[in-house]
Amino acid sequence: MRPILEEQEECVRRTFDVNCVALFILAKEFLPSMIKEDHGHVLTMASMVSFVTLASNVAYSCSKAAALTFHEGLTQELTHRCNAKHVRTSVVHPSWICTPMLEPVLKRCAFMETLLDPNPVADAVVAQILGGKSGQIFLPASYSSGSMIRGVPTWFKEMVRSSKKNVLAK
């Protein structure tokens, strides 16, 4: 997680490969049998940064916004192009999860955000799949209002983003 001008092209490409391109590859591998059986569940891991992009996190935020768009488009295609109305789709929007991937950020930044333990995140994902319904999960649930940021005036969006300007500051 670096400012745009410090981001290495290789890192940007890897981020998109993992968070976006892999979704297409996995869909092509597993969807045909799900569509044929009209049964299954595709779960996409997006993020709260799908809605609120922070300074020094642009590549990651872009890739997660792409993951959200993939989920939305997949849901439409399964329903209206594939007639697979029983293939479920869900998207998960966690905030920061305390994983080894985040450790370097925690060491170099004045990080003050809420950190989620990975276990409740995994439990929420499993519960969503076992529930057998499509949906959208926000973790913590109180962050669901963050999705509305896309529909508010620009001045308000920038005020919200600016209020988080120091989250990833060195």
N, C-alpha and C. Protein backbone atom coordinates (compact mmCIF):
# COMPACT_ATOMS: atom_id res chain seq x y z
N MET A 1 0.85 -1.17 0.00
CA MET A 1 0.00 0.00 0.00
C MET A 1 0.90 1.23 0.00
N ARG A 2 0.93 1.84 -1.18
CA ARG A 2 1.80 2.98 -1.38
C ARG A 2 1.07 4.04 -2.20
N PRO A 3 1.56 5.27 -2.16
CA PRO A 3 1.00 6.29 -3.05
C PRO A 3 1.17 5.85 -4.51
N ILE A 4 0.33 6.35 -5.38
CA ILE A 4 0.32 5.98 -6.79
C ILE A 4 1.71 6.12 -7.41
N LEU A 5 2.40 7.21 -7.15
CA LEU A 5 3.70 7.46 -7.77
C LEU A 5 4.81 6.56 -7.25
N GLU A 6 4.58 5.89 -6.12
CA GLU A 6 5.58 4.97 -5.56
C GLU A 6 5.24 3.51 -5.85
N GLU A 7 4.07 3.26 -6.38
CA GLU A 7 3.61 1.89 -6.61
C GLU A 7 4.35 1.27 -7.79
N GLN A 8 4.91 0.11 -7.59
CA GLN A 8 5.61 -0.62 -8.65
C GLN A 8 4.57 -1.26 -9.58
N GLU A 9 4.82 -1.20 -10.88
CA GLU A 9 3.89 -1.80 -11.85
C GLU A 9 3.64 -3.27 -11.54
N GLU A 10 4.67 -4.00 -11.19
CA GLU A 10 4.53 -5.42 -10.88
C GLU A 10 3.55 -5.65 -9.72
N CYS A 11 3.62 -4.80 -8.71
CA CYS A 11 2.72 -4.93 -7.55
C CYS A 11 1.28 -4.62 -7.93
N VAL A 12 1.10 -3.60 -8.78
CA VAL A 12 -0.25 -3.26 -9.24
C VAL A 12 -0.84 -4.42 -10.02
N ARG A 13 -0.07 -4.98 -10.93
CA ARG A 13 -0.54 -6.11 -11.73
C ARG A 13 -0.86 -7.33 -10.85
N ARG A 14 -0.02 -7.60 -9.86
CA ARG A 14 -0.27 -8.73 -8.96
C ARG A 14 -1.56 -8.50 -8.17
N THR A 15 -1.76 -7.30 -7.72
CA THR A 15 -2.98 -6.97 -6.97
C THR A 15 -4.22 -7.22 -7.83
N PHE A 16 -4.18 -6.77 -9.08
CA PHE A 16 -5.33 -6.99 -9.96
C PHE A 16 -5.46 -8.47 -10.34
N ASP A 17 -4.35 -9.16 -10.52
CA ASP A 17 -4.42 -10.59 -10.83
C ASP A 17 -5.12 -11.36 -9.72
N VAL A 18 -4.75 -11.07 -8.48
CA VAL A 18 -5.32 -11.78 -7.34
C VAL A 18 -6.76 -11.36 -7.07
N ASN A 19 -7.04 -10.07 -7.08
CA ASN A 19 -8.35 -9.57 -6.66
C ASN A 19 -9.39 -9.46 -7.76
N CYS A 20 -8.97 -9.53 -9.01
CA CYS A 20 -9.92 -9.34 -10.10
C CYS A 20 -9.79 -10.39 -11.19
N VAL A 21 -8.64 -10.52 -11.80
CA VAL A 21 -8.47 -11.46 -12.91
C VAL A 21 -8.79 -12.89 -12.45
N ALA A 22 -8.36 -13.26 -11.26
CA ALA A 22 -8.64 -14.60 -10.74
C ALA A 22 -10.14 -14.89 -10.69
N LEU A 23 -10.96 -13.88 -10.47
CA LEU A 23 -12.42 -14.09 -10.42
C LEU A 23 -12.93 -14.61 -11.77
N PHE A 24 -12.43 -14.06 -12.84
CA PHE A 24 -12.84 -14.50 -14.18
C PHE A 24 -12.36 -15.92 -14.45
N ILE A 25 -11.13 -16.21 -14.08
CA ILE A 25 -10.57 -17.54 -14.32
C ILE A 25 -11.34 -18.60 -13.54
N LEU A 26 -11.60 -18.32 -12.27
CA LEU A 26 -12.35 -19.27 -11.44
C LEU A 26 -13.78 -19.43 -11.92
N ALA A 27 -14.39 -18.34 -12.35
CA ALA A 27 -15.77 -18.41 -12.87
C ALA A 27 -15.83 -19.32 -14.09
N LYS A 28 -14.89 -19.16 -14.99
CA LYS A 28 -14.88 -19.99 -16.21
C LYS A 28 -14.67 -21.46 -15.88
N GLU A 29 -13.97 -21.73 -14.80
CA GLU A 29 -13.70 -23.11 -14.40
C GLU A 29 -14.92 -23.76 -13.72
N PHE A 30 -15.58 -23.04 -12.84
CA PHE A 30 -16.61 -23.65 -12.00
C PHE A 30 -18.06 -23.33 -12.39
N LEU A 31 -18.28 -22.20 -13.05
CA LEU A 31 -19.66 -21.82 -13.38
C LEU A 31 -20.38 -22.76 -14.34
N PRO A 32 -19.74 -23.32 -15.35
CA PRO A 32 -20.50 -24.17 -16.27
C PRO A 32 -21.27 -25.29 -15.57
N SER A 33 -20.65 -25.97 -14.63
CA SER A 33 -21.38 -27.04 -13.93
C SER A 33 -22.44 -26.47 -12.98
N MET A 34 -22.17 -25.32 -12.37
CA MET A 34 -23.19 -24.69 -11.52
C MET A 34 -24.41 -24.30 -12.35
N ILE A 35 -24.16 -23.75 -13.53
CA ILE A 35 -25.26 -23.34 -14.41
C ILE A 35 -26.03 -24.56 -14.88
N LYS A 36 -25.32 -25.60 -15.26
CA LYS A 36 -25.98 -26.83 -15.73
C LYS A 36 -26.88 -27.41 -14.65
N GLU A 37 -26.39 -27.42 -13.41
CA GLU A 37 -27.17 -27.96 -12.29
C GLU A 37 -28.12 -26.94 -11.67
N ASP A 38 -27.98 -25.67 -12.09
CA ASP A 38 -28.72 -24.56 -11.48
C ASP A 38 -28.61 -24.60 -9.96
N HIS A 39 -27.37 -24.77 -9.53
CA HIS A 39 -27.11 -24.89 -8.09
C HIS A 39 -25.66 -24.48 -7.82
N GLY A 40 -25.44 -23.79 -6.73
CA GLY A 40 -24.10 -23.39 -6.31
C GLY A 40 -24.12 -22.02 -5.69
N HIS A 41 -22.96 -21.59 -5.26
CA HIS A 41 -22.85 -20.28 -4.61
C HIS A 41 -21.48 -19.70 -4.95
N VAL A 42 -21.46 -18.53 -5.53
CA VAL A 42 -20.23 -17.81 -5.82
C VAL A 42 -20.12 -16.67 -4.82
N LEU A 43 -19.04 -16.69 -4.05
CA LEU A 43 -18.82 -15.66 -3.05
C LEU A 43 -17.61 -14.84 -3.46
N THR A 44 -17.78 -13.54 -3.52
CA THR A 44 -16.72 -12.62 -3.93
C THR A 44 -16.27 -11.82 -2.71
N MET A 45 -14.95 -11.80 -2.48
CA MET A 45 -14.40 -10.99 -1.39
C MET A 45 -14.05 -9.62 -1.95
N ALA A 46 -14.88 -8.66 -1.63
CA ALA A 46 -14.58 -7.28 -1.99
C ALA A 46 -14.01 -6.63 -0.72
N SER A 47 -14.44 -5.45 -0.40
CA SER A 47 -13.88 -4.74 0.75
C SER A 47 -14.66 -3.45 0.95
N MET A 48 -14.53 -2.87 2.12
CA MET A 48 -15.11 -1.55 2.32
C MET A 48 -14.41 -0.53 1.44
N VAL A 49 -13.17 -0.81 1.02
CA VAL A 49 -12.48 0.12 0.13
C VAL A 49 -13.06 0.07 -1.28
N SER A 50 -14.00 -0.81 -1.52
CA SER A 50 -14.74 -0.78 -2.79
C SER A 50 -15.54 0.53 -2.88
N PHE A 51 -15.83 1.11 -1.74
CA PHE A 51 -16.66 2.31 -1.67
C PHE A 51 -15.88 3.57 -1.28
N VAL A 52 -14.88 3.42 -0.42
CA VAL A 52 -14.13 4.57 0.08
C VAL A 52 -12.64 4.34 -0.18
N THR A 53 -12.11 5.04 -1.16
CA THR A 53 -10.71 4.91 -1.53
C THR A 53 -9.87 5.87 -0.69
N LEU A 54 -8.82 5.35 -0.10
CA LEU A 54 -7.94 6.17 0.73
C LEU A 54 -6.63 6.44 0.01
N ALA A 55 -6.00 7.54 0.37
CA ALA A 55 -4.66 7.84 -0.13
C ALA A 55 -3.73 6.70 0.25
N SER A 56 -2.82 6.36 -0.62
CA SER A 56 -1.84 5.28 -0.44
C SER A 56 -2.45 3.89 -0.54
N ASN A 57 -3.66 3.79 -1.08
CA ASN A 57 -4.32 2.50 -1.21
C ASN A 57 -5.11 2.41 -2.51
N VAL A 58 -4.70 3.15 -3.51
CA VAL A 58 -5.49 3.29 -4.73
C VAL A 58 -5.55 2.00 -5.53
N ALA A 59 -4.42 1.33 -5.75
CA ALA A 59 -4.43 0.10 -6.54
C ALA A 59 -5.32 -0.96 -5.89
N TYR A 60 -5.15 -1.15 -4.60
CA TYR A 60 -5.96 -2.14 -3.89
C TYR A 60 -7.44 -1.78 -3.95
N SER A 61 -7.75 -0.52 -3.71
CA SER A 61 -9.15 -0.07 -3.76
C SER A 61 -9.75 -0.29 -5.15
N CYS A 62 -8.98 0.04 -6.19
CA CYS A 62 -9.46 -0.18 -7.56
C CYS A 62 -9.75 -1.65 -7.80
N SER A 63 -8.87 -2.52 -7.34
CA SER A 63 -9.07 -3.96 -7.57
C SER A 63 -10.29 -4.47 -6.82
N LYS A 64 -10.57 -3.93 -5.65
CA LYS A 64 -11.73 -4.37 -4.88
C LYS A 64 -13.03 -3.77 -5.44
N ALA A 65 -12.95 -2.56 -6.00
CA ALA A 65 -14.12 -2.01 -6.69
C ALA A 65 -14.42 -2.86 -7.92
N ALA A 66 -13.37 -3.34 -8.59
CA ALA A 66 -13.56 -4.25 -9.73
C ALA A 66 -14.19 -5.56 -9.27
N ALA A 67 -13.80 -6.06 -8.11
CA ALA A 67 -14.40 -7.29 -7.58
C ALA A 67 -15.89 -7.08 -7.32
N LEU A 68 -16.26 -5.94 -6.77
CA LEU A 68 -17.68 -5.64 -6.55
C LEU A 68 -18.43 -5.59 -7.88
N THR A 69 -17.85 -4.96 -8.86
CA THR A 69 -18.48 -4.87 -10.18
C THR A 69 -18.60 -6.26 -10.81
N PHE A 70 -17.59 -7.09 -10.63
CA PHE A 70 -17.66 -8.48 -11.11
C PHE A 70 -18.87 -9.18 -10.49
N HIS A 71 -19.00 -9.06 -9.18
CA HIS A 71 -20.14 -9.67 -8.47
C HIS A 71 -21.48 -9.19 -9.05
N GLU A 72 -21.60 -7.89 -9.22
CA GLU A 72 -22.86 -7.34 -9.73
C GLU A 72 -23.16 -7.85 -11.14
N GLY A 73 -22.15 -7.85 -12.01
CA GLY A 73 -22.34 -8.32 -13.37
C GLY A 73 -22.62 -9.82 -13.42
N LEU A 74 -21.90 -10.59 -12.62
CA LEU A 74 -22.12 -12.04 -12.57
C LEU A 74 -23.55 -12.34 -12.14
N THR A 75 -24.03 -11.65 -11.14
CA THR A 75 -25.40 -11.86 -10.67
C THR A 75 -26.40 -11.61 -11.79
N GLN A 76 -26.19 -10.55 -12.55
CA GLN A 76 -27.07 -10.24 -13.67
C GLN A 76 -26.98 -11.31 -14.77
N GLU A 77 -25.78 -11.72 -15.10
CA GLU A 77 -25.63 -12.72 -16.16
C GLU A 77 -26.22 -14.07 -15.77
N LEU A 78 -26.02 -14.48 -14.52
CA LEU A 78 -26.60 -15.76 -14.10
C LEU A 78 -28.12 -15.73 -14.21
N THR A 79 -28.72 -14.61 -13.87
CA THR A 79 -30.17 -14.49 -13.91
C THR A 79 -30.70 -14.30 -15.32
N HIS A 80 -30.10 -13.39 -16.07
CA HIS A 80 -30.70 -12.97 -17.34
C HIS A 80 -30.07 -13.56 -18.60
N ARG A 81 -28.89 -14.14 -18.50
CA ARG A 81 -28.27 -14.75 -19.67
C ARG A 81 -28.18 -16.26 -19.55
N CYS A 82 -28.03 -16.75 -18.34
CA CYS A 82 -27.82 -18.18 -18.13
C CYS A 82 -29.04 -18.90 -17.59
N ASN A 83 -30.07 -18.15 -17.19
CA ASN A 83 -31.26 -18.71 -16.59
C ASN A 83 -30.91 -19.64 -15.42
N ALA A 84 -29.94 -19.23 -14.64
CA ALA A 84 -29.49 -20.01 -13.48
C ALA A 84 -29.89 -19.26 -12.21
N LYS A 85 -31.17 -19.19 -11.98
CA LYS A 85 -31.71 -18.39 -10.88
C LYS A 85 -31.41 -18.97 -9.50
N HIS A 86 -30.93 -20.21 -9.46
CA HIS A 86 -30.64 -20.83 -8.17
C HIS A 86 -29.14 -20.91 -7.88
N VAL A 87 -28.33 -20.34 -8.74
CA VAL A 87 -26.91 -20.18 -8.43
C VAL A 87 -26.82 -18.88 -7.64
N ARG A 88 -26.46 -18.99 -6.40
CA ARG A 88 -26.42 -17.84 -5.50
C ARG A 88 -25.13 -17.06 -5.66
N THR A 89 -25.22 -15.77 -5.40
CA THR A 89 -24.04 -14.90 -5.42
C THR A 89 -24.05 -14.03 -4.17
N SER A 90 -22.90 -13.91 -3.56
CA SER A 90 -22.76 -13.04 -2.39
C SER A 90 -21.45 -12.28 -2.49
N VAL A 91 -21.43 -11.13 -1.89
CA VAL A 91 -20.22 -10.31 -1.85
C VAL A 91 -19.99 -9.89 -0.40
N VAL A 92 -18.72 -9.90 0.00
CA VAL A 92 -18.35 -9.57 1.37
C VAL A 92 -17.49 -8.31 1.35
N HIS A 93 -17.83 -7.39 2.24
CA HIS A 93 -17.11 -6.12 2.36
C HIS A 93 -16.57 -5.97 3.78
N PRO A 94 -15.44 -6.62 4.08
CA PRO A 94 -14.86 -6.40 5.41
C PRO A 94 -14.08 -5.09 5.45
N SER A 95 -13.94 -4.57 6.63
CA SER A 95 -12.98 -3.47 6.80
C SER A 95 -11.61 -4.14 6.97
N TRP A 96 -10.72 -3.57 7.70
CA TRP A 96 -9.37 -4.09 7.84
C TRP A 96 -9.38 -5.39 8.65
N ILE A 97 -8.74 -6.43 8.11
CA ILE A 97 -8.64 -7.72 8.80
C ILE A 97 -7.19 -7.89 9.24
N CYS A 98 -7.00 -8.25 10.48
CA CYS A 98 -5.65 -8.41 11.03
C CYS A 98 -5.06 -9.73 10.55
N THR A 99 -4.38 -9.66 9.41
CA THR A 99 -3.73 -10.82 8.80
C THR A 99 -2.27 -10.48 8.57
N PRO A 100 -1.44 -11.48 8.25
CA PRO A 100 -0.04 -11.19 7.95
C PRO A 100 0.14 -10.18 6.82
N MET A 101 -0.81 -10.14 5.87
CA MET A 101 -0.71 -9.18 4.77
C MET A 101 -0.74 -7.74 5.29
N LEU A 102 -1.44 -7.50 6.39
CA LEU A 102 -1.60 -6.15 6.92
C LEU A 102 -0.45 -5.76 7.88
N GLU A 103 0.33 -6.72 8.35
CA GLU A 103 1.38 -6.43 9.33
C GLU A 103 2.35 -5.33 8.88
N PRO A 104 2.84 -5.36 7.62
CA PRO A 104 3.75 -4.27 7.22
C PRO A 104 3.09 -2.89 7.30
N VAL A 105 1.82 -2.84 7.01
CA VAL A 105 1.09 -1.56 7.07
C VAL A 105 1.00 -1.10 8.52
N LEU A 106 0.70 -2.03 9.41
CA LEU A 106 0.56 -1.67 10.83
C LEU A 106 1.89 -1.18 11.40
N LYS A 107 3.00 -1.70 10.89
CA LYS A 107 4.31 -1.31 11.38
C LYS A 107 4.72 0.08 10.91
N ARG A 108 4.31 0.47 9.70
CA ARG A 108 4.81 1.73 9.14
C ARG A 108 3.80 2.87 9.19
N CYS A 109 2.56 2.60 9.55
CA CYS A 109 1.53 3.64 9.49
C CYS A 109 0.96 3.96 10.86
N ALA A 110 0.43 5.17 10.95
CA ALA A 110 -0.27 5.60 12.17
C ALA A 110 -1.70 5.06 12.09
N PHE A 111 -1.83 3.75 12.15
CA PHE A 111 -3.10 3.07 11.89
C PHE A 111 -4.01 3.13 13.11
N MET A 112 -5.19 3.71 12.94
CA MET A 112 -6.11 3.86 14.06
C MET A 112 -7.47 3.22 13.79
N GLU A 113 -7.61 2.51 12.70
CA GLU A 113 -8.90 1.93 12.32
C GLU A 113 -9.20 0.66 13.11
N THR A 114 -10.47 0.27 13.10
CA THR A 114 -10.89 -0.98 13.72
C THR A 114 -10.33 -2.15 12.93
N LEU A 115 -9.71 -3.08 13.63
CA LEU A 115 -9.18 -4.28 13.00
C LEU A 115 -10.08 -5.46 13.34
N LEU A 116 -10.40 -6.24 12.32
CA LEU A 116 -11.22 -7.43 12.51
C LEU A 116 -10.34 -8.64 12.70
N ASP A 117 -10.75 -9.52 13.58
CA ASP A 117 -10.11 -10.82 13.71
C ASP A 117 -10.55 -11.68 12.53
N PRO A 118 -9.67 -12.46 11.92
CA PRO A 118 -10.05 -13.26 10.75
C PRO A 118 -11.16 -14.29 11.04
N ASN A 119 -11.22 -14.83 12.25
CA ASN A 119 -12.19 -15.89 12.53
C ASN A 119 -13.65 -15.47 12.39
N PRO A 120 -14.07 -14.32 12.95
CA PRO A 120 -15.46 -13.91 12.72
C PRO A 120 -15.77 -13.60 11.25
N VAL A 121 -14.76 -13.16 10.51
CA VAL A 121 -14.95 -12.92 9.08
C VAL A 121 -15.22 -14.25 8.38
N ALA A 122 -14.39 -15.24 8.69
CA ALA A 122 -14.59 -16.57 8.11
C ALA A 122 -15.94 -17.15 8.52
N ASP A 123 -16.32 -16.95 9.77
CA ASP A 123 -17.62 -17.45 10.25
C ASP A 123 -18.77 -16.81 9.48
N ALA A 124 -18.67 -15.52 9.20
CA ALA A 124 -19.72 -14.82 8.45
C ALA A 124 -19.81 -15.34 7.02
N VAL A 125 -18.67 -15.63 6.42
CA VAL A 125 -18.64 -16.17 5.05
C VAL A 125 -19.30 -17.55 5.03
N VAL A 126 -18.91 -18.41 5.96
CA VAL A 126 -19.48 -19.76 6.02
C VAL A 126 -20.99 -19.69 6.28
N ALA A 127 -21.41 -18.84 7.19
CA ALA A 127 -22.84 -18.69 7.49
C ALA A 127 -23.61 -18.23 6.25
N GLN A 128 -23.03 -17.33 5.48
CA GLN A 128 -23.70 -16.85 4.26
C GLN A 128 -23.89 -18.00 3.27
N ILE A 129 -22.86 -18.78 3.07
CA ILE A 129 -22.95 -19.89 2.12
C ILE A 129 -23.93 -20.94 2.62
N LEU A 130 -23.83 -21.32 3.88
CA LEU A 130 -24.73 -22.34 4.43
C LEU A 130 -26.18 -21.85 4.49
N GLY A 131 -26.36 -20.54 4.55
CA GLY A 131 -27.72 -19.97 4.56
C GLY A 131 -28.44 -20.15 3.23
N GLY A 132 -27.70 -20.40 2.17
CA GLY A 132 -28.29 -20.70 0.88
C GLY A 132 -28.96 -19.54 0.17
N LYS A 133 -28.63 -18.33 0.55
CA LYS A 133 -29.22 -17.16 -0.10
C LYS A 133 -28.13 -16.22 -0.58
N SER A 134 -28.43 -15.51 -1.64
CA SER A 134 -27.53 -14.47 -2.12
C SER A 134 -27.55 -13.31 -1.14
N GLY A 135 -26.48 -12.53 -1.13
CA GLY A 135 -26.49 -11.39 -0.23
C GLY A 135 -25.23 -10.56 -0.29
N GLN A 136 -25.23 -9.57 0.57
CA GLN A 136 -24.11 -8.64 0.70
C GLN A 136 -23.82 -8.52 2.18
N ILE A 137 -22.57 -8.76 2.56
CA ILE A 137 -22.18 -8.74 3.97
C ILE A 137 -21.21 -7.59 4.21
N PHE A 138 -21.47 -6.82 5.25
CA PHE A 138 -20.57 -5.76 5.68
C PHE A 138 -20.02 -6.14 7.04
N LEU A 139 -18.70 -6.03 7.19
CA LEU A 139 -18.07 -6.38 8.45
C LEU A 139 -17.15 -5.24 8.88
N PRO A 140 -17.41 -4.63 10.02
CA PRO A 140 -18.57 -4.85 10.88
C PRO A 140 -19.87 -4.37 10.21
N ALA A 141 -20.97 -4.93 10.65
CA ALA A 141 -22.27 -4.63 10.04
C ALA A 141 -22.58 -3.14 10.09
N SER A 142 -22.09 -2.45 11.10
CA SER A 142 -22.35 -1.01 11.23
C SER A 142 -21.76 -0.20 10.09
N TYR A 143 -20.86 -0.79 9.31
CA TYR A 143 -20.23 -0.09 8.19
C TYR A 143 -21.08 -0.11 6.92
N SER A 144 -22.23 -0.74 6.96
CA SER A 144 -23.05 -0.87 5.74
C SER A 144 -23.42 0.48 5.14
N SER A 145 -23.54 1.50 5.96
CA SER A 145 -23.88 2.82 5.43
C SER A 145 -22.76 3.38 4.55
N GLY A 146 -21.56 2.82 4.66
CA GLY A 146 -20.44 3.25 3.82
C GLY A 146 -20.69 3.02 2.34
N SER A 147 -21.58 2.06 2.02
CA SER A 147 -21.88 1.79 0.62
C SER A 147 -22.61 2.96 -0.04
N MET A 148 -23.23 3.80 0.75
CA MET A 148 -23.97 4.93 0.20
C MET A 148 -23.05 6.05 -0.32
N ILE A 149 -21.77 5.96 0.00
CA ILE A 149 -20.84 7.02 -0.38
C ILE A 149 -20.83 7.26 -1.89
N ARG A 150 -21.10 6.23 -2.67
CA ARG A 150 -21.09 6.36 -4.13
C ARG A 150 -22.21 7.26 -4.64
N GLY A 151 -23.24 7.44 -3.85
CA GLY A 151 -24.39 8.21 -4.33
C GLY A 151 -24.52 9.62 -3.78
N VAL A 152 -23.56 10.04 -2.99
CA VAL A 152 -23.66 11.37 -2.40
C VAL A 152 -22.86 12.37 -3.23
N PRO A 153 -23.08 13.67 -3.03
CA PRO A 153 -22.34 14.68 -3.79
C PRO A 153 -20.83 14.57 -3.57
N THR A 154 -20.08 14.99 -4.57
CA THR A 154 -18.62 14.89 -4.54
C THR A 154 -18.03 15.57 -3.31
N TRP A 155 -18.54 16.74 -2.95
CA TRP A 155 -17.97 17.45 -1.81
C TRP A 155 -18.07 16.61 -0.54
N PHE A 156 -19.16 15.83 -0.39
CA PHE A 156 -19.34 14.99 0.79
C PHE A 156 -18.39 13.79 0.73
N LYS A 157 -18.25 13.18 -0.46
CA LYS A 157 -17.32 12.06 -0.62
C LYS A 157 -15.92 12.47 -0.21
N GLU A 158 -15.49 13.63 -0.71
CA GLU A 158 -14.14 14.09 -0.41
C GLU A 158 -13.97 14.42 1.07
N MET A 159 -15.02 14.90 1.70
CA MET A 159 -14.96 15.18 3.13
C MET A 159 -14.77 13.86 3.90
N VAL A 160 -15.50 12.81 3.51
CA VAL A 160 -15.36 11.51 4.17
C VAL A 160 -13.96 10.94 3.94
N ARG A 161 -13.53 10.94 2.68
CA ARG A 161 -12.20 10.41 2.37
C ARG A 161 -11.11 11.20 3.11
N SER A 162 -11.24 12.51 3.13
CA SER A 162 -10.24 13.35 3.79
C SER A 162 -10.21 13.12 5.29
N SER A 163 -11.33 12.72 5.86
CA SER A 163 -11.35 12.44 7.29
C SER A 163 -10.50 11.21 7.63
N LYS A 164 -10.18 10.42 6.61
CA LYS A 164 -9.36 9.21 6.79
C LYS A 164 -7.95 9.38 6.21
N LYS A 165 -7.56 10.61 5.96
CA LYS A 165 -6.29 10.88 5.25
C LYS A 165 -5.07 10.32 5.96
N ASN A 166 -5.10 10.16 7.27
CA ASN A 166 -3.94 9.71 8.00
C ASN A 166 -3.94 8.21 8.30
N VAL A 167 -4.94 7.49 7.85
CA VAL A 167 -5.03 6.07 8.16
C VAL A 167 -3.79 5.32 7.67
N LEU A 168 -3.35 5.61 6.47
CA LEU A 168 -2.18 4.91 5.92
C LEU A 168 -0.96 5.80 5.81
N ALA A 169 -0.95 6.90 6.59
CA ALA A 169 0.18 7.83 6.55
C ALA A 169 1.39 7.21 7.22
N LYS A 170 2.55 7.55 6.68
CA LYS A 170 3.82 7.04 7.27
C LYS A 170 4.16 7.82 8.51
